[in-house]
Amino acid sequence: MAVNHRQRVRWLWLWVGLGAVLLLGSLFTIVHHVWPLLHPSLSQIAPLDPRCNLRAEPCESRFGSGGRVRFGIEPRTIPVAAPLRFEVELSGLMAESVEVDFVGVEMYMGFNRVTLEALGDGRYAGHGMIPVCTSERMTWEARVLIQTPDGLLAAPFRFQSAP
């Protein structure tokens, strides 16, 4: 017995609806797992030091709890799309891991995070690069993310990339 046209259309819409539900469920699951990586929950943020000039020397930031973060970038010209070395020195903080997250201040530049290697004595280092932007100069914020037993701390440092 042949299935009439109306029944075929109903079955088609049923499968389309089921596919849409599965697709939305999959997207929700992906976003649910990726969101904490892109937007970590911070327990403390150090104040931004407007006098900081990473092109001149490493900068220092202090947390209200007394911990200190010293951050530097080499080469000091901070070119885009070129290898850079990042160094972090901690004092008064017990870190489980340290990362540097680069965020474009004027525009979103995607996910740019570097995990640093522990060198001992509160020192961490790693390599990465800053992506190219269409602007000649761009203001960046390097957020040093410090995972501690008490939560995630962030120390912001701002700089401009070289043209």
Protein backbone atom coordinates (compact mmCIF):
# COMPACT_ATOMS: atom_id res chain seq x y z
CA MET A 1 0.00 0.00 0.00
CA ALA A 2 1.44 3.37 -0.98
CA VAL A 3 1.96 6.09 1.60
CA ASN A 4 0.12 9.22 0.57
CA HIS A 5 1.78 12.59 0.16
CA ARG A 6 0.41 14.04 3.42
CA GLN A 7 1.91 11.20 5.49
CA ARG A 8 5.31 11.63 3.82
CA VAL A 9 5.31 15.34 4.65
CA ARG A 10 4.45 14.55 8.30
CA TRP A 11 7.31 12.05 8.52
CA LEU A 12 9.69 14.53 6.91
CA TRP A 13 8.77 17.24 9.45
CA LEU A 14 9.10 14.73 12.27
CA TRP A 15 12.67 13.88 11.17
CA VAL A 16 13.55 17.54 10.62
CA GLY A 17 12.27 18.37 14.13
CA LEU A 18 14.17 15.48 15.67
CA GLY A 19 17.34 16.54 13.85
CA ALA A 20 16.91 20.13 15.07
CA VAL A 21 16.48 18.97 18.68
CA LEU A 22 19.61 16.80 18.45
CA LEU A 23 21.60 19.65 16.87
CA LEU A 24 20.50 22.14 19.55
CA GLY A 25 21.28 19.62 22.30
CA SER A 26 24.76 19.04 20.87
CA LEU A 27 25.44 22.79 20.60
CA PHE A 28 24.28 23.33 24.19
CA THR A 29 26.60 20.56 25.41
CA ILE A 30 29.58 22.03 23.54
CA VAL A 31 28.93 25.56 24.83
CA HIS A 32 28.43 24.21 28.37
CA HIS A 33 31.87 22.56 28.30
CA VAL A 34 33.76 25.34 26.48
CA TRP A 35 32.30 28.36 28.35
CA PRO A 36 34.45 27.94 31.52
CA LEU A 37 37.60 27.85 29.37
CA LEU A 38 36.74 31.09 27.61
CA HIS A 39 35.27 32.86 30.64
CA PRO A 40 36.84 31.43 33.81
CA SER A 41 35.32 32.31 37.15
CA LEU A 42 37.83 34.53 38.97
CA SER A 43 38.13 34.66 42.74
CA GLN A 44 40.33 37.78 42.75
CA ILE A 45 41.57 40.36 40.22
CA ALA A 46 44.60 42.53 40.89
CA PRO A 47 44.26 46.23 40.04
CA LEU A 48 45.57 47.39 36.65
CA ASP A 49 48.67 49.60 36.99
CA PRO A 50 48.36 52.43 34.42
CA ARG A 51 52.09 53.23 34.82
CA CYS A 52 53.08 49.75 33.57
CA ASN A 53 55.20 49.84 30.39
CA LEU A 54 56.10 46.31 29.28
CA ARG A 55 58.17 47.80 26.43
CA ALA A 56 60.53 49.30 29.03
CA GLU A 57 60.68 46.56 31.68
CA PRO A 58 58.67 43.79 33.35
CA CYS A 59 55.71 45.10 35.35
CA GLU A 60 54.45 44.14 38.78
CA SER A 61 50.95 43.73 40.15
CA ARG A 62 49.82 43.06 43.73
CA PHE A 63 46.74 41.33 45.05
CA GLY A 64 44.86 42.58 48.09
CA SER A 65 45.81 39.33 49.85
CA GLY A 66 49.49 40.26 49.58
CA GLY A 67 50.58 38.10 46.65
CA ARG A 68 52.70 39.64 43.90
CA VAL A 69 53.00 38.94 40.15
CA ARG A 70 55.84 40.17 37.97
CA PHE A 71 55.26 39.82 34.20
CA GLY A 72 57.59 40.45 31.25
CA ILE A 73 57.60 39.95 27.48
CA GLU A 74 60.66 39.53 25.23
CA PRO A 75 61.50 41.06 22.84
CA ARG A 76 60.43 44.36 24.33
CA THR A 77 59.22 45.68 20.96
CA ILE A 78 56.33 43.16 21.29
CA PRO A 79 55.87 42.51 17.56
CA VAL A 80 52.75 40.78 16.22
CA ALA A 81 52.89 37.36 14.52
CA ALA A 82 56.43 36.81 15.82
CA PRO A 83 57.73 34.48 18.56
CA LEU A 84 57.56 36.00 22.04
CA ARG A 85 58.81 34.77 25.41
CA PHE A 86 56.64 35.35 28.47
CA GLU A 87 58.03 35.29 31.99
CA VAL A 88 56.09 35.37 35.26
CA GLU A 89 57.51 35.51 38.77
CA LEU A 90 55.21 34.96 41.74
CA SER A 91 55.75 35.69 45.40
CA GLY A 92 53.34 35.04 48.23
CA LEU A 93 51.20 32.81 46.00
CA MET A 94 50.95 29.02 45.74
CA ALA A 95 50.24 28.31 42.07
CA GLU A 96 49.04 25.01 40.63
CA SER A 97 49.33 26.43 37.10
CA VAL A 98 49.96 29.75 35.34
CA GLU A 99 48.61 30.90 31.97
CA VAL A 100 48.66 34.18 30.06
CA ASP A 101 45.44 35.11 28.26
CA PHE A 102 45.74 37.83 25.60
CA VAL A 103 42.60 39.91 25.05
CA GLY A 104 42.17 42.69 22.50
CA VAL A 105 40.92 45.78 24.35
CA GLU A 106 39.40 47.51 21.29
CA MET A 107 38.13 44.36 19.56
CA TYR A 108 37.68 40.65 20.14
CA MET A 109 40.67 38.74 18.74
CA GLY A 110 39.68 35.18 19.55
CA PHE A 111 41.10 32.74 22.08
CA ASN A 112 44.80 33.52 22.69
CA ARG A 113 46.04 31.73 25.79
CA VAL A 114 49.50 30.34 26.59
CA THR A 115 50.21 27.84 29.36
CA LEU A 116 53.49 28.59 31.09
CA GLU A 117 55.98 26.01 32.33
CA ALA A 118 57.03 25.98 35.99
CA LEU A 119 60.76 26.69 36.32
CA GLY A 120 60.87 26.51 40.14
CA ASP A 121 61.03 29.15 42.87
CA GLY A 122 57.76 30.77 41.70
CA ARG A 123 59.07 31.37 38.16
CA TYR A 124 57.14 30.43 35.00
CA ALA A 125 57.92 30.88 31.31
CA GLY A 126 56.49 30.07 27.91
CA HIS A 127 56.40 31.02 24.25
CA GLY A 128 53.62 32.27 22.02
CA MET A 129 52.67 35.07 19.69
CA ILE A 130 50.12 37.81 19.35
CA PRO A 131 47.91 37.59 16.25
CA VAL A 132 47.92 40.19 13.50
CA CYS A 133 45.26 42.88 13.62
CA THR A 134 44.05 45.12 10.80
CA SER A 135 44.83 48.19 12.95
CA GLU A 136 48.37 49.57 12.87
CA ARG A 137 48.49 49.66 16.67
CA MET A 138 46.31 47.73 19.03
CA THR A 139 45.93 47.77 22.79
CA TRP A 140 46.14 44.33 24.38
CA GLU A 141 45.55 43.12 27.90
CA ALA A 142 47.69 40.22 29.04
CA ARG A 143 45.87 38.55 31.92
CA VAL A 144 48.15 36.38 33.98
CA LEU A 145 45.84 33.61 35.24
CA ILE A 146 47.06 31.87 38.38
CA GLN A 147 45.27 28.72 39.50
CA THR A 148 45.68 28.42 43.27
CA PRO A 149 44.15 26.03 45.81
CA ASP A 150 41.85 28.93 46.81
CA GLY A 151 40.66 29.74 43.27
CA LEU A 152 41.68 31.48 40.07
CA LEU A 153 43.48 34.83 40.31
CA ALA A 154 44.02 37.30 37.45
CA ALA A 155 46.60 40.05 37.12
CA PRO A 156 46.02 42.36 34.11
CA PHE A 157 48.83 44.09 32.20
CA ARG A 158 48.15 46.38 29.19
CA PHE A 159 50.43 47.15 26.26
CA GLN A 160 50.32 48.15 22.62
CA SER A 161 51.49 45.86 19.85
CA ALA A 162 54.08 47.17 17.41
CA PRO A 163 52.86 48.27 13.98
